[in-house]
Amino acid sequence: MDFRIARHTTKLVPLIHFYHELLGLEILGSFEDHKGYDGVFLGIQGESWHIEFTVSKQEPKHASDPDDLLVFYSNTDDEYKQLIENLRQHKTPEAVPSNPYWVDNGTTFLDPDGFRIVISNRKHKS
C-alpha cells in the first residue's frame, strides 16, 4: 500500500523550501492549474509514501493540534545532528511537544503553516 499525506495551504513556496531545502526531501512531482489547484509532491524516490501540498483560491480551514505530528526518523546520529543544526541555523521555530515521549526522543519544530514536525533520534520500532 502506498501512502500520501495531503494538506492544503496558502504557503506553497515556503513549504517547498522547508521540506525540500531544509529537510532534504526530494520534489517527486508537481502540477499547475489542475482544476484550480497547484501542488507539489515531496518525499524520497522509491519509497511508498509522500507528502502533497496544494494551493487554490479556497483558503484552508484547518488548525494544528499540539499532538498532530509528522515524525521523521533519522537513519544515523550524524543525520539527526545535521538536520537539527540546519533547521536551527535557518531559525526554524521550535515547539515543546505535548507528548513527553517526543521530548526524550526527538526535537520538535514548526513548519511554515505552524504544523509540528519531529526529527527523531530513535529508529522507529513497531
PDB file of N, CA and C in Angstrom:
ATOM      1  N   MET A   1       0.837  -1.167   0.000  1.00  0.00           N
ATOM      2  CA  MET A   1       0.000   0.000   0.000  1.00  0.00           C
ATOM      3  C   MET A   1       0.889   1.239   0.000  1.00  0.00           C
ATOM      4  N   ASP A   2       0.566   2.182  -0.830  1.00  0.00           N
ATOM      5  CA  ASP A   2       1.259   3.468  -0.832  1.00  0.00           C
ATOM      6  C   ASP A   2       0.516   4.427   0.090  1.00  0.00           C
ATOM      7  N   PHE A   3       1.213   5.472   0.521  1.00  0.00           N
ATOM      8  CA  PHE A   3       0.637   6.394   1.489  1.00  0.00           C
ATOM      9  C   PHE A   3       0.962   7.827   1.089  1.00  0.00           C
ATOM     10  N   ARG A   4      -0.043   8.686   1.131  1.00  0.00           N
ATOM     11  CA  ARG A   4       0.135  10.109   0.855  1.00  0.00           C
ATOM     12  C   ARG A   4      -0.545  10.915   1.946  1.00  0.00           C
ATOM     13  N   ILE A   5       0.166  11.920   2.438  1.00  0.00           N
ATOM     14  CA  ILE A   5      -0.430  12.919   3.319  1.00  0.00           C
ATOM     15  C   ILE A   5      -0.636  14.143   2.445  1.00  0.00           C
ATOM     16  N   ALA A   6      -1.856  14.655   2.382  1.00  0.00           N
ATOM     17  CA  ALA A   6      -2.157  15.830   1.564  1.00  0.00           C
ATOM     18  C   ALA A   6      -2.651  16.945   2.473  1.00  0.00           C
ATOM     19  N   ARG A   7      -2.128  18.142   2.224  1.00  0.00           N
ATOM     20  CA  ARG A   7      -2.552  19.288   3.037  1.00  0.00           C
ATOM     21  C   ARG A   7      -2.650  20.519   2.148  1.00  0.00           C
ATOM     22  N   HIS A   8      -3.730  21.246   2.326  1.00  0.00           N
ATOM     23  CA  HIS A   8      -3.973  22.486   1.608  1.00  0.00           C
ATOM     24  C   HIS A   8      -3.303  23.624   2.368  1.00  0.00           C
ATOM     25  N   THR A   9      -2.812  24.626   1.645  1.00  0.00           N
ATOM     26  CA  THR A   9      -2.042  25.689   2.273  1.00  0.00           C
ATOM     27  C   THR A   9      -2.198  26.991   1.499  1.00  0.00           C
ATOM     28  N   THR A  10      -1.729  28.062   2.078  1.00  0.00           N
ATOM     29  CA  THR A  10      -1.555  29.320   1.355  1.00  0.00           C
ATOM     30  C   THR A  10      -0.065  29.624   1.219  1.00  0.00           C
ATOM     31  N   LYS A  11       0.782  28.724   1.707  1.00  0.00           N
ATOM     32  CA  LYS A  11       2.230  28.955   1.771  1.00  0.00           C
ATOM     33  C   LYS A  11       3.011  27.892   1.006  1.00  0.00           C
ATOM     34  N   LEU A  12       2.631  27.661  -0.244  1.00  0.00           N
ATOM     35  CA  LEU A  12       3.245  26.584  -1.019  1.00  0.00           C
ATOM     36  C   LEU A  12       4.754  26.767  -1.166  1.00  0.00           C
ATOM     37  N   VAL A  13       5.190  27.940  -1.566  1.00  0.00           N
ATOM     38  CA  VAL A  13       6.630  28.160  -1.780  1.00  0.00           C
ATOM     39  C   VAL A  13       7.425  27.993  -0.486  1.00  0.00           C
ATOM     40  N   PRO A  14       7.000  28.595   0.648  1.00  0.00           N
ATOM     41  CA  PRO A  14       7.753  28.356   1.893  1.00  0.00           C
ATOM     42  C   PRO A  14       7.752  26.878   2.317  1.00  0.00           C
ATOM     43  N   LEU A  15       6.662  26.153   2.064  1.00  0.00           N
ATOM     44  CA  LEU A  15       6.625  24.734   2.413  1.00  0.00           C
ATOM     45  C   LEU A  15       7.580  23.927   1.544  1.00  0.00           C
ATOM     46  N   ILE A  16       7.639  24.258   0.260  1.00  0.00           N
ATOM     47  CA  ILE A  16       8.597  23.573  -0.617  1.00  0.00           C
ATOM     48  C   ILE A  16      10.014  23.824  -0.112  1.00  0.00           C
ATOM     49  N   HIS A  17      10.327  25.072   0.207  1.00  0.00           N
ATOM     50  CA  HIS A  17      11.657  25.393   0.731  1.00  0.00           C
ATOM     51  C   HIS A  17      11.941  24.602   2.011  1.00  0.00           C
ATOM     52  N   PHE A  18      10.997  24.579   2.917  1.00  0.00           N
ATOM     53  CA  PHE A  18      11.180  23.904   4.199  1.00  0.00           C
ATOM     54  C   PHE A  18      11.427  22.407   4.020  1.00  0.00           C
ATOM     55  N   TYR A  19      10.521  21.732   3.314  1.00  0.00           N
ATOM     56  CA  TYR A  19      10.609  20.274   3.217  1.00  0.00           C
ATOM     57  C   TYR A  19      11.680  19.815   2.224  1.00  0.00           C
ATOM     58  N   HIS A  20      11.947  20.607   1.193  1.00  0.00           N
ATOM     59  CA  HIS A  20      12.962  20.222   0.205  1.00  0.00           C
ATOM     60  C   HIS A  20      14.351  20.705   0.616  1.00  0.00           C
ATOM     61  N   GLU A  21      14.502  21.999   0.835  1.00  0.00           N
ATOM     62  CA  GLU A  21      15.822  22.571   1.112  1.00  0.00           C
ATOM     63  C   GLU A  21      16.307  22.288   2.534  1.00  0.00           C
ATOM     64  N   LEU A  22      15.436  22.404   3.508  1.00  0.00           N
ATOM     65  CA  LEU A  22      15.871  22.243   4.896  1.00  0.00           C
ATOM     66  C   LEU A  22      15.856  20.793   5.368  1.00  0.00           C
ATOM     67  N   LEU A  23      14.819  20.029   4.990  1.00  0.00           N
ATOM     68  CA  LEU A  23      14.746  18.633   5.426  1.00  0.00           C
ATOM     69  C   LEU A  23      15.345  17.656   4.424  1.00  0.00           C
ATOM     70  N   GLY A  24      15.513  18.102   3.185  1.00  0.00           N
ATOM     71  CA  GLY A  24      16.153  17.236   2.195  1.00  0.00           C
ATOM     72  C   GLY A  24      15.233  16.283   1.458  1.00  0.00           C
ATOM     73  N   LEU A  25      13.915  16.476   1.550  1.00  0.00           N
ATOM     74  CA  LEU A  25      13.020  15.631   0.773  1.00  0.00           C
ATOM     75  C   LEU A  25      13.128  16.005  -0.703  1.00  0.00           C
ATOM     76  N   GLU A  26      12.934  15.039  -1.557  1.00  0.00           N
ATOM     77  CA  GLU A  26      13.004  15.275  -3.000  1.00  0.00           C
ATOM     78  C   GLU A  26      11.663  15.781  -3.516  1.00  0.00           C
ATOM     79  N   ILE A  27      11.719  16.616  -4.540  1.00  0.00           N
ATOM     80  CA  ILE A  27      10.495  17.005  -5.251  1.00  0.00           C
ATOM     81  C   ILE A  27      10.210  15.883  -6.242  1.00  0.00           C
ATOM     82  N   LEU A  28       9.164  15.134  -5.981  1.00  0.00           N
ATOM     83  CA  LEU A  28       8.822  13.970  -6.795  1.00  0.00           C
ATOM     84  C   LEU A  28       7.937  14.332  -7.981  1.00  0.00           C
ATOM     85  N   GLY A  29       7.295  15.473  -7.913  1.00  0.00           N
ATOM     86  CA  GLY A  29       6.424  15.922  -8.992  1.00  0.00           C
ATOM     87  C   GLY A  29       5.691  17.168  -8.560  1.00  0.00           C
ATOM     88  N   SER A  30       5.048  17.798  -9.540  1.00  0.00           N
ATOM     89  CA  SER A  30       4.265  18.995  -9.237  1.00  0.00           C
ATOM     90  C   SER A  30       3.224  19.166 -10.337  1.00  0.00           C
ATOM     91  N   PHE A  31       2.285  20.057 -10.097  1.00  0.00           N
ATOM     92  CA  PHE A  31       1.260  20.334 -11.095  1.00  0.00           C
ATOM     93  C   PHE A  31       0.789  21.771 -10.939  1.00  0.00           C
ATOM     94  N   GLU A  32       0.289  22.323 -12.028  1.00  0.00           N
ATOM     95  CA  GLU A  32      -0.237  23.692 -12.030  1.00  0.00           C
ATOM     96  C   GLU A  32      -1.615  23.703 -12.665  1.00  0.00           C
ATOM     97  N   ASP A  33      -2.496  24.462 -12.054  1.00  0.00           N
ATOM     98  CA  ASP A  33      -3.856  24.681 -12.548  1.00  0.00           C
ATOM     99  C   ASP A  33      -4.576  23.388 -12.913  1.00  0.00           C
ATOM    100  N   HIS A  34      -4.487  22.406 -12.036  1.00  0.00           N
ATOM    101  CA  HIS A  34      -5.275  21.190 -12.212  1.00  0.00           C
ATOM    102  C   HIS A  34      -6.621  21.417 -11.530  1.00  0.00           C
ATOM    103  N   LYS A  35      -7.588  21.810 -12.326  1.00  0.00           N
ATOM    104  CA  LYS A  35      -8.924  22.121 -11.819  1.00  0.00           C
ATOM    105  C   LYS A  35      -8.860  23.174 -10.710  1.00  0.00           C
ATOM    106  N   GLY A  36      -7.971  24.158 -10.902  1.00  0.00           N
ATOM    107  CA  GLY A  36      -7.857  25.264  -9.964  1.00  0.00           C
ATOM    108  C   GLY A  36      -6.836  25.070  -8.854  1.00  0.00           C
ATOM    109  N   TYR A  37      -6.109  23.967  -8.876  1.00  0.00           N
ATOM    110  CA  TYR A  37      -5.128  23.681  -7.835  1.00  0.00           C
ATOM    111  C   TYR A  37      -3.721  23.625  -8.412  1.00  0.00           C
ATOM    112  N   ASP A  38      -2.773  24.144  -7.646  1.00  0.00           N
ATOM    113  CA  ASP A  38      -1.350  23.929  -7.888  1.00  0.00           C
ATOM    114  C   ASP A  38      -0.861  23.058  -6.743  1.00  0.00           C
ATOM    115  N   GLY A  39       0.175  22.270  -7.004  1.00  0.00           N
ATOM    116  CA  GLY A  39       0.658  21.422  -5.922  1.00  0.00           C
ATOM    117  C   GLY A  39       2.017  20.835  -6.180  1.00  0.00           C
ATOM    118  N   VAL A  40       2.528  20.208  -5.157  1.00  0.00           N
ATOM    119  CA  VAL A  40       3.841  19.570  -5.213  1.00  0.00           C
ATOM    120  C   VAL A  40       3.800  18.292  -4.381  1.00  0.00           C
ATOM    121  N   PHE A  41       4.590  17.302  -4.821  1.00  0.00           N
ATOM    122  CA  PHE A  41       4.768  16.041  -4.101  1.00  0.00           C
ATOM    123  C   PHE A  41       6.207  15.992  -3.606  1.00  0.00           C
ATOM    124  N   LEU A  42       6.395  15.736  -2.330  1.00  0.00           N
ATOM    125  CA  LEU A  42       7.729  15.670  -1.723  1.00  0.00           C
ATOM    126  C   LEU A  42       7.885  14.348  -0.995  1.00  0.00           C
ATOM    127  N   GLY A  43       9.050  13.760  -1.105  1.00  0.00           N
ATOM    128  CA  GLY A  43       9.308  12.501  -0.426  1.00  0.00           C
ATOM    129  C   GLY A  43      10.695  12.005  -0.748  1.00  0.00           C
ATOM    130  N   ILE A  44      10.844  10.697  -0.816  1.00  0.00           N
ATOM    131  CA  ILE A  44      12.103  10.056  -1.167  1.00  0.00           C
ATOM    132  C   ILE A  44      11.813   9.080  -2.296  1.00  0.00           C
ATOM    133  N   GLN A  45      12.526   9.249  -3.391  1.00  0.00           N
ATOM    134  CA  GLN A  45      12.344   8.390  -4.564  1.00  0.00           C
ATOM    135  C   GLN A  45      12.417   6.918  -4.166  1.00  0.00           C
ATOM    136  N   GLY A  46      11.458   6.138  -4.633  1.00  0.00           N
ATOM    137  CA  GLY A  46      11.448   4.705  -4.377  1.00  0.00           C
ATOM    138  C   GLY A  46      10.718   4.293  -3.116  1.00  0.00           C
ATOM    139  N   GLU A  47      10.386   5.239  -2.260  1.00  0.00           N
ATOM    140  CA  GLU A  47       9.620   4.919  -1.053  1.00  0.00           C
ATOM    141  C   GLU A  47       8.137   4.884  -1.400  1.00  0.00           C
ATOM    142  N   SER A  48       7.323   4.302  -0.530  1.00  0.00           N
ATOM    143  CA  SER A  48       5.898   4.146  -0.812  1.00  0.00           C
ATOM    144  C   SER A  48       5.051   5.220  -0.137  1.00  0.00           C
ATOM    145  N   TRP A  49       5.654   6.360   0.155  1.00  0.00           N
ATOM    146  CA  TRP A  49       4.933   7.461   0.801  1.00  0.00           C
ATOM    147  C   TRP A  49       5.400   8.783   0.207  1.00  0.00           C
ATOM    148  N   HIS A  50       4.580   9.793   0.341  1.00  0.00           N
ATOM    149  CA  HIS A  50       4.988  11.157   0.021  1.00  0.00           C
ATOM    150  C   HIS A  50       4.005  12.140   0.641  1.00  0.00           C
ATOM    151  N   ILE A  51       4.432  13.400   0.673  1.00  0.00           N
ATOM    152  CA  ILE A  51       3.611  14.492   1.181  1.00  0.00           C
ATOM    153  C   ILE A  51       3.194  15.336  -0.011  1.00  0.00           C
ATOM    154  N   GLU A  52       1.930  15.733  -0.028  1.00  0.00           N
ATOM    155  CA  GLU A  52       1.425  16.619  -1.085  1.00  0.00           C
ATOM    156  C   GLU A  52       0.936  17.908  -0.436  1.00  0.00           C
ATOM    157  N   PHE A  53       1.350  19.032  -1.004  1.00  0.00           N
ATOM    158  CA  PHE A  53       0.828  20.328  -0.586  1.00  0.00           C
ATOM    159  C   PHE A  53       0.141  20.951  -1.788  1.00  0.00           C
ATOM    160  N   THR A  54      -1.049  21.503  -1.549  1.00  0.00           N
ATOM    161  CA  THR A  54      -1.800  22.142  -2.627  1.00  0.00           C
ATOM    162  C   THR A  54      -2.192  23.552  -2.226  1.00  0.00           C
ATOM    163  N   VAL A  55      -2.415  24.379  -3.248  1.00  0.00           N
ATOM    164  CA  VAL A  55      -2.883  25.741  -3.056  1.00  0.00           C
ATOM    165  C   VAL A  55      -3.953  26.010  -4.098  1.00  0.00           C
ATOM    166  N   SER A  56      -4.969  26.773  -3.719  1.00  0.00           N
ATOM    167  CA  SER A  56      -6.043  27.148  -4.643  1.00  0.00           C
ATOM    168  C   SER A  56      -6.622  28.477  -4.163  1.00  0.00           C
ATOM    169  N   LYS A  57      -7.680  28.904  -4.793  1.00  0.00           N
ATOM    170  CA  LYS A  57      -8.339  30.145  -4.368  1.00  0.00           C
ATOM    171  C   LYS A  57      -9.053  29.979  -3.032  1.00  0.00           C
ATOM    172  N   GLN A  58      -9.358  28.743  -2.655  1.00  0.00           N
ATOM    173  CA  GLN A  58     -10.019  28.491  -1.378  1.00  0.00           C
ATOM    174  C   GLN A  58      -8.999  28.513  -0.243  1.00  0.00           C
ATOM    175  N   GLU A  59      -9.342  29.204   0.810  1.00  0.00           N
ATOM    176  CA  GLU A  59      -8.485  29.258   1.994  1.00  0.00           C
ATOM    177  C   GLU A  59      -8.606  27.941   2.771  1.00  0.00           C
ATOM    178  N   PRO A  60      -7.494  27.421   3.283  1.00  0.00           N
ATOM    179  CA  PRO A  60      -7.586  26.236   4.135  1.00  0.00           C
ATOM    180  C   PRO A  60      -8.296  26.573   5.439  1.00  0.00           C
ATOM    181  N   LYS A  61      -9.002  25.595   5.971  1.00  0.00           N
ATOM    182  CA  LYS A  61      -9.725  25.776   7.236  1.00  0.00           C
ATOM    183  C   LYS A  61      -9.289  24.682   8.203  1.00  0.00           C
ATOM    184  N   HIS A  62      -8.041  24.725   8.551  1.00  0.00           N
ATOM    185  CA  HIS A  62      -7.528  23.738   9.490  1.00  0.00           C
ATOM    186  C   HIS A  62      -6.645  24.437  10.508  1.00  0.00           C
ATOM    187  N   ALA A  63      -6.428  23.760  11.606  1.00  0.00           N
ATOM    188  CA  ALA A  63      -5.554  24.263  12.647  1.00  0.00           C
ATOM    189  C   ALA A  63      -4.748  23.097  13.196  1.00  0.00           C
ATOM    190  N   SER A  64      -3.529  23.369  13.509  1.00  0.00           N
ATOM    191  CA  SER A  64      -2.665  22.335  14.060  1.00  0.00           C
ATOM    192  C   SER A  64      -2.977  22.122  15.534  1.00  0.00           C
ATOM    193  N   ASP A  65      -3.054  20.887  15.921  1.00  0.00           N
ATOM    194  CA  ASP A  65      -3.206  20.486  17.309  1.00  0.00           C
ATOM    195  C   ASP A  65      -1.812  20.089  17.812  1.00  0.00           C
ATOM    196  N   PRO A  66      -1.476  20.346  19.059  1.00  0.00           N
ATOM    197  CA  PRO A  66      -0.133  20.005  19.545  1.00  0.00           C
ATOM    198  C   PRO A  66       0.259  18.537  19.379  1.00  0.00           C
ATOM    199  N   ASP A  67      -0.709  17.648  19.237  1.00  0.00           N
ATOM    200  CA  ASP A  67      -0.398  16.233  19.045  1.00  0.00           C
ATOM    201  C   ASP A  67      -0.466  15.797  17.584  1.00  0.00           C
ATOM    202  N   ASP A  68      -0.721  16.729  16.655  1.00  0.00           N
ATOM    203  CA  ASP A  68      -0.657  16.424  15.226  1.00  0.00           C
ATOM    204  C   ASP A  68       0.791  16.561  14.800  1.00  0.00           C
ATOM    205  N   LEU A  69       1.419  15.460  14.458  1.00  0.00           N
ATOM    206  CA  LEU A  69       2.857  15.456  14.179  1.00  0.00           C
ATOM    207  C   LEU A  69       3.160  14.700  12.891  1.00  0.00           C
ATOM    208  N   LEU A  70       4.136  15.202  12.164  1.00  0.00           N
ATOM    209  CA  LEU A  70       4.822  14.404  11.155  1.00  0.00           C
ATOM    210  C   LEU A  70       6.151  14.050  11.798  1.00  0.00           C
ATOM    211  N   VAL A  71       6.483  12.776  11.882  1.00  0.00           N
ATOM    212  CA  VAL A  71       7.711  12.339  12.536  1.00  0.00           C
ATOM    213  C   VAL A  71       8.656  11.802  11.479  1.00  0.00           C
ATOM    214  N   PHE A  72       9.846  12.365  11.461  1.00  0.00           N
ATOM    215  CA  PHE A  72      10.896  11.924  10.543  1.00  0.00           C
ATOM    216  C   PHE A  72      11.982  11.255  11.380  1.00  0.00           C
ATOM    217  N   TYR A  73      12.198   9.950  11.138  1.00  0.00           N
ATOM    218  CA  TYR A  73      13.206   9.195  11.874  1.00  0.00           C
ATOM    219  C   TYR A  73      14.529   9.286  11.121  1.00  0.00           C
ATOM    220  N   SER A  74      15.531   9.836  11.774  1.00  0.00           N
ATOM    221  CA  SER A  74      16.846   9.908  11.143  1.00  0.00           C
ATOM    222  C   SER A  74      17.463   8.514  11.118  1.00  0.00           C
ATOM    223  N   ASN A  75      18.304   8.283  10.113  1.00  0.00           N
ATOM    224  CA  ASN A  75      18.950   6.974   9.971  1.00  0.00           C
ATOM    225  C   ASN A  75      20.182   6.834  10.854  1.00  0.00           C
ATOM    226  N   THR A  76      20.826   7.950  11.168  1.00  0.00           N
ATOM    227  CA  THR A  76      22.045   7.922  11.976  1.00  0.00           C
ATOM    228  C   THR A  76      22.038   9.116  12.926  1.00  0.00           C
ATOM    229  N   ASP A  77      22.910   9.044  13.932  1.00  0.00           N
ATOM    230  CA  ASP A  77      23.065  10.183  14.838  1.00  0.00           C
ATOM    231  C   ASP A  77      23.590  11.401  14.093  1.00  0.00           C
ATOM    232  N   ASP A  78      24.505  11.178  13.145  1.00  0.00           N
ATOM    233  CA  ASP A  78      25.046  12.293  12.362  1.00  0.00           C
ATOM    234  C   ASP A  78      23.953  12.970  11.533  1.00  0.00           C
ATOM    235  N   GLU A  79      23.076  12.178  10.918  1.00  0.00           N
ATOM    236  CA  GLU A  79      21.977  12.756  10.146  1.00  0.00           C
ATOM    237  C   GLU A  79      21.061  13.575  11.061  1.00  0.00           C
ATOM    238  N   TYR A  80      20.765  13.034  12.229  1.00  0.00           N
ATOM    239  CA  TYR A  80      19.928  13.745  13.201  1.00  0.00           C
ATOM    240  C   TYR A  80      20.546  15.093  13.554  1.00  0.00           C
ATOM    241  N   LYS A  81      21.823  15.084  13.927  1.00  0.00           N
ATOM    242  CA  LYS A  81      22.511  16.315  14.313  1.00  0.00           C
ATOM    243  C   LYS A  81      22.545  17.320  13.166  1.00  0.00           C
ATOM    244  N   GLN A  82      22.777  16.840  11.958  1.00  0.00           N
ATOM    245  CA  GLN A  82      22.843  17.727  10.785  1.00  0.00           C
ATOM    246  C   GLN A  82      21.488  18.377  10.512  1.00  0.00           C
ATOM    247  N   LEU A  83      20.407  17.595  10.582  1.00  0.00           N
ATOM    248  CA  LEU A  83      19.072  18.149  10.359  1.00  0.00           C
ATOM    249  C   LEU A  83      18.722  19.198  11.410  1.00  0.00           C
ATOM    250  N   ILE A  84      18.997  18.895  12.672  1.00  0.00           N
ATOM    251  CA  ILE A  84      18.689  19.824  13.756  1.00  0.00           C
ATOM    252  C   ILE A  84      19.490  21.111  13.579  1.00  0.00           C
ATOM    253  N   GLU A  85      20.773  20.972  13.287  1.00  0.00           N
ATOM    254  CA  GLU A  85      21.624  22.151  13.100  1.00  0.00           C
ATOM    255  C   GLU A  85      21.130  23.006  11.931  1.00  0.00           C
ATOM    256  N   ASN A  86      20.775  22.356  10.831  1.00  0.00           N
ATOM    257  CA  ASN A  86      20.284  23.075   9.652  1.00  0.00           C
ATOM    258  C   ASN A  86      19.000  23.842   9.971  1.00  0.00           C
ATOM    259  N   LEU A  87      18.060  23.198  10.638  1.00  0.00           N
ATOM    260  CA  LEU A  87      16.802  23.863  10.985  1.00  0.00           C
ATOM    261  C   LEU A  87      17.036  25.030  11.937  1.00  0.00           C
ATOM    262  N   ARG A  88      17.922  24.850  12.891  1.00  0.00           N
ATOM    263  CA  ARG A  88      18.212  25.936  13.829  1.00  0.00           C
ATOM    264  C   ARG A  88      18.948  27.087  13.151  1.00  0.00           C
ATOM    265  N   GLN A  89      19.875  26.779  12.253  1.00  0.00           N
ATOM    266  CA  GLN A  89      20.583  27.843  11.524  1.00  0.00           C
ATOM    267  C   GLN A  89      19.623  28.694  10.697  1.00  0.00           C
ATOM    268  N   HIS A  90      18.540  28.077  10.217  1.00  0.00           N
ATOM    269  CA  HIS A  90      17.534  28.805   9.438  1.00  0.00           C
ATOM    270  C   HIS A  90      16.439  29.392  10.330  1.00  0.00           C
ATOM    271  N   LYS A  91      16.703  29.382  11.638  1.00  0.00           N
ATOM    272  CA  LYS A  91      15.800  29.993  12.622  1.00  0.00           C
ATOM    273  C   LYS A  91      14.378  29.428  12.560  1.00  0.00           C
ATOM    274  N   THR A  92      14.301  28.113  12.334  1.00  0.00           N
ATOM    275  CA  THR A  92      13.012  27.435  12.327  1.00  0.00           C
ATOM    276  C   THR A  92      12.479  27.389  13.754  1.00  0.00           C
ATOM    277  N   PRO A  93      11.251  27.851  13.968  1.00  0.00           N
ATOM    278  CA  PRO A  93      10.709  27.843  15.340  1.00  0.00           C
ATOM    279  C   PRO A  93      10.618  26.429  15.907  1.00  0.00           C
ATOM    280  N   GLU A  94      11.029  26.307  17.155  1.00  0.00           N
ATOM    281  CA  GLU A  94      10.908  25.033  17.862  1.00  0.00           C
ATOM    282  C   GLU A  94       9.662  25.073  18.738  1.00  0.00           C
ATOM    283  N   ALA A  95       9.170  23.900  19.070  1.00  0.00           N
ATOM    284  CA  ALA A  95       7.976  23.789  19.902  1.00  0.00           C
ATOM    285  C   ALA A  95       8.211  22.716  20.958  1.00  0.00           C
ATOM    286  N   VAL A  96       7.567  22.883  22.087  1.00  0.00           N
ATOM    287  CA  VAL A  96       7.611  21.860  23.129  1.00  0.00           C
ATOM    288  C   VAL A  96       6.504  20.864  22.813  1.00  0.00           C
ATOM    289  N   PRO A  97       6.854  19.596  22.632  1.00  0.00           N
ATOM    290  CA  PRO A  97       5.817  18.616  22.313  1.00  0.00           C
ATOM    291  C   PRO A  97       4.874  18.376  23.485  1.00  0.00           C
ATOM    292  N   SER A  98       3.653  18.074  23.158  1.00  0.00           N
ATOM    293  CA  SER A  98       2.648  17.774  24.165  1.00  0.00           C
ATOM    294  C   SER A  98       2.927  16.407  24.801  1.00  0.00           C
ATOM    295  N   ASN A  99       3.307  15.454  23.973  1.00  0.00           N
ATOM    296  CA  ASN A  99       3.586  14.097  24.435  1.00  0.00           C
ATOM    297  C   ASN A  99       5.033  14.038  24.922  1.00  0.00           C
ATOM    298  N   PRO A 100       5.262  13.706  26.197  1.00  0.00           N
ATOM    299  CA  PRO A 100       6.624  13.701  26.737  1.00  0.00           C
ATOM    300  C   PRO A 100       7.561  12.711  26.040  1.00  0.00           C
ATOM    301  N   TYR A 101       7.014  11.723  25.351  1.00  0.00           N
ATOM    302  CA  TYR A 101       7.864  10.774  24.618  1.00  0.00           C
ATOM    303  C   TYR A 101       8.769  11.521  23.647  1.00  0.00           C
ATOM    304  N   TRP A 102       8.204  12.554  22.965  1.00  0.00           N
ATOM    305  CA  TRP A 102       8.974  13.269  21.939  1.00  0.00           C
ATOM    306  C   TRP A 102       9.989  14.228  22.542  1.00  0.00           C
ATOM    307  N   VAL A 103       9.844  14.577  23.808  1.00  0.00           N
ATOM    308  CA  VAL A 103      10.868  15.383  24.481  1.00  0.00           C
ATOM    309  C   VAL A 103      12.151  14.568  24.573  1.00  0.00           C
ATOM    310  N   ASP A 104      12.013  13.278  24.890  1.00  0.00           N
ATOM    311  CA  ASP A 104      13.160  12.394  25.072  1.00  0.00           C
ATOM    312  C   ASP A 104      13.666  11.782  23.765  1.00  0.00           C
ATOM    313  N   ASN A 105      12.847  11.783  22.736  1.00  0.00           N
ATOM    314  CA  ASN A 105      13.185  11.021  21.529  1.00  0.00           C
ATOM    315  C   ASN A 105      13.205  11.845  20.249  1.00  0.00           C
ATOM    316  N   GLY A 106      13.403  13.143  20.374  1.00  0.00           N
ATOM    317  CA  GLY A 106      13.480  13.955  19.171  1.00  0.00           C
ATOM    318  C   GLY A 106      13.435  15.430  19.488  1.00  0.00           C
ATOM    319  N   THR A 107      13.380  16.210  18.426  1.00  0.00           N
ATOM    320  CA  THR A 107      13.275  17.663  18.532  1.00  0.00           C
ATOM    321  C   THR A 107      12.118  18.098  17.652  1.00  0.00           C
ATOM    322  N   THR A 108      11.259  18.958  18.185  1.00  0.00           N
ATOM    323  CA  THR A 108      10.034  19.365  17.504  1.00  0.00           C
ATOM    324  C   THR A 108      10.186  20.784  16.960  1.00  0.00           C
ATOM    325  N   PHE A 109       9.786  20.953  15.700  1.00  0.00           N
ATOM    326  CA  PHE A 109       9.833  22.236  15.016  1.00  0.00           C
ATOM    327  C   PHE A 109       8.464  22.544  14.427  1.00  0.00           C
ATOM    328  N   LEU A 110       8.264  23.793  14.042  1.00  0.00           N
ATOM    329  CA  LEU A 110       7.047  24.205  13.342  1.00  0.00           C
ATOM    330  C   LEU A 110       7.366  24.435  11.874  1.00  0.00           C
ATOM    331  N   ASP A 111       6.529  23.880  10.983  1.00  0.00           N
ATOM    332  CA  ASP A 111       6.711  24.162   9.564  1.00  0.00           C
ATOM    333  C   ASP A 111       6.072  25.518   9.250  1.00  0.00           C
ATOM    334  N   PRO A 112       6.186  26.012   8.014  1.00  0.00           N
ATOM    335  CA  PRO A 112       5.654  27.347   7.697  1.00  0.00           C
ATOM    336  C   PRO A 112       4.157  27.525   7.953  1.00  0.00           C
ATOM    337  N   ASP A 113       3.382  26.450   7.973  1.00  0.00           N
ATOM    338  CA  ASP A 113       1.956  26.535   8.295  1.00  0.00           C
ATOM    339  C   ASP A 113       1.696  26.467   9.800  1.00  0.00           C
ATOM    340  N   GLY A 114       2.728  26.254  10.598  1.00  0.00           N
ATOM    341  CA  GLY A 114       2.560  26.135  12.042  1.00  0.00           C
ATOM    342  C   GLY A 114       2.276  24.721  12.505  1.00  0.00           C
ATOM    343  N   PHE A 115       2.403  23.743  11.608  1.00  0.00           N
ATOM    344  CA  PHE A 115       2.215  22.346  11.984  1.00  0.00           C
ATOM    345  C   PHE A 115       3.529  21.802  12.535  1.00  0.00           C
ATOM    346  N   ARG A 116       3.412  20.909  13.499  1.00  0.00           N
ATOM    347  CA  ARG A 116       4.588  20.363  14.163  1.00  0.00           C
ATOM    348  C   ARG A 116       5.186  19.197  13.380  1.00  0.00           C
ATOM    349  N   ILE A 117       6.512  19.198  13.319  1.00  0.00           N
ATOM    350  CA  ILE A 117       7.245  18.035  12.817  1.00  0.00           C
ATOM    351  C   ILE A 117       8.257  17.651  13.887  1.00  0.00           C
ATOM    352  N   VAL A 118       8.541  16.388  13.978  1.00  0.00           N
ATOM    353  CA  VAL A 118       9.551  15.884  14.922  1.00  0.00           C
ATOM    354  C   VAL A 118      10.669  15.251  14.107  1.00  0.00           C
ATOM    355  N   ILE A 119      11.879  15.638  14.416  1.00  0.00           N
ATOM    356  CA  ILE A 119      13.044  14.917  13.918  1.00  0.00           C
ATOM    357  C   ILE A 119      13.444  14.010  15.072  1.00  0.00           C
ATOM    358  N   SER A 120      13.312  12.708  14.860  1.00  0.00           N
ATOM    359  CA  SER A 120      13.556  11.768  15.942  1.00  0.00           C
ATOM    360  C   SER A 120      14.964  11.185  15.843  1.00  0.00           C
ATOM    361  N   ASN A 121      15.558  11.027  16.988  1.00  0.00           N
ATOM    362  CA  ASN A 121      16.881  10.424  17.068  1.00  0.00           C
ATOM    363  C   ASN A 121      16.790   8.939  17.425  1.00  0.00           C
ATOM    364  N   ARG A 122      15.630   8.393  17.281  1.00  0.00           N
ATOM    365  CA  ARG A 122      15.402   6.966  17.543  1.00  0.00           C
ATOM    366  C   ARG A 122      14.910   6.292  16.279  1.00  0.00           C
ATOM    367  N   LYS A 123      15.351   5.082  16.048  1.00  0.00           N
ATOM    368  CA  LYS A 123      14.808   4.327  14.929  1.00  0.00           C
ATOM    369  C   LYS A 123      13.385   3.904  15.301  1.00  0.00           C
ATOM    370  N   HIS A 124      12.500   3.923  14.296  1.00  0.00           N
ATOM    371  CA  HIS A 124      11.117   3.538  14.515  1.00  0.00           C
ATOM    372  C   HIS A 124      11.045   2.084  14.970  1.00  0.00           C
ATOM    373  N   LYS A 125      10.259   1.833  15.989  1.00  0.00           N
ATOM    374  CA  LYS A 125      10.034   0.477  16.489  1.00  0.00           C
ATOM    375  C   LYS A 125       8.547   0.180  16.341  1.00  0.00           C
ATOM    376  N   SER A 126       8.229  -0.918  15.706  1.00  0.00           N
ATOM    377  CA  SER A 126       6.825  -1.305  15.516  1.00  0.00           C
ATOM    378  C   SER A 126       6.191  -1.713  16.819  1.00  0.00           C
TER     379      SER A 126
END
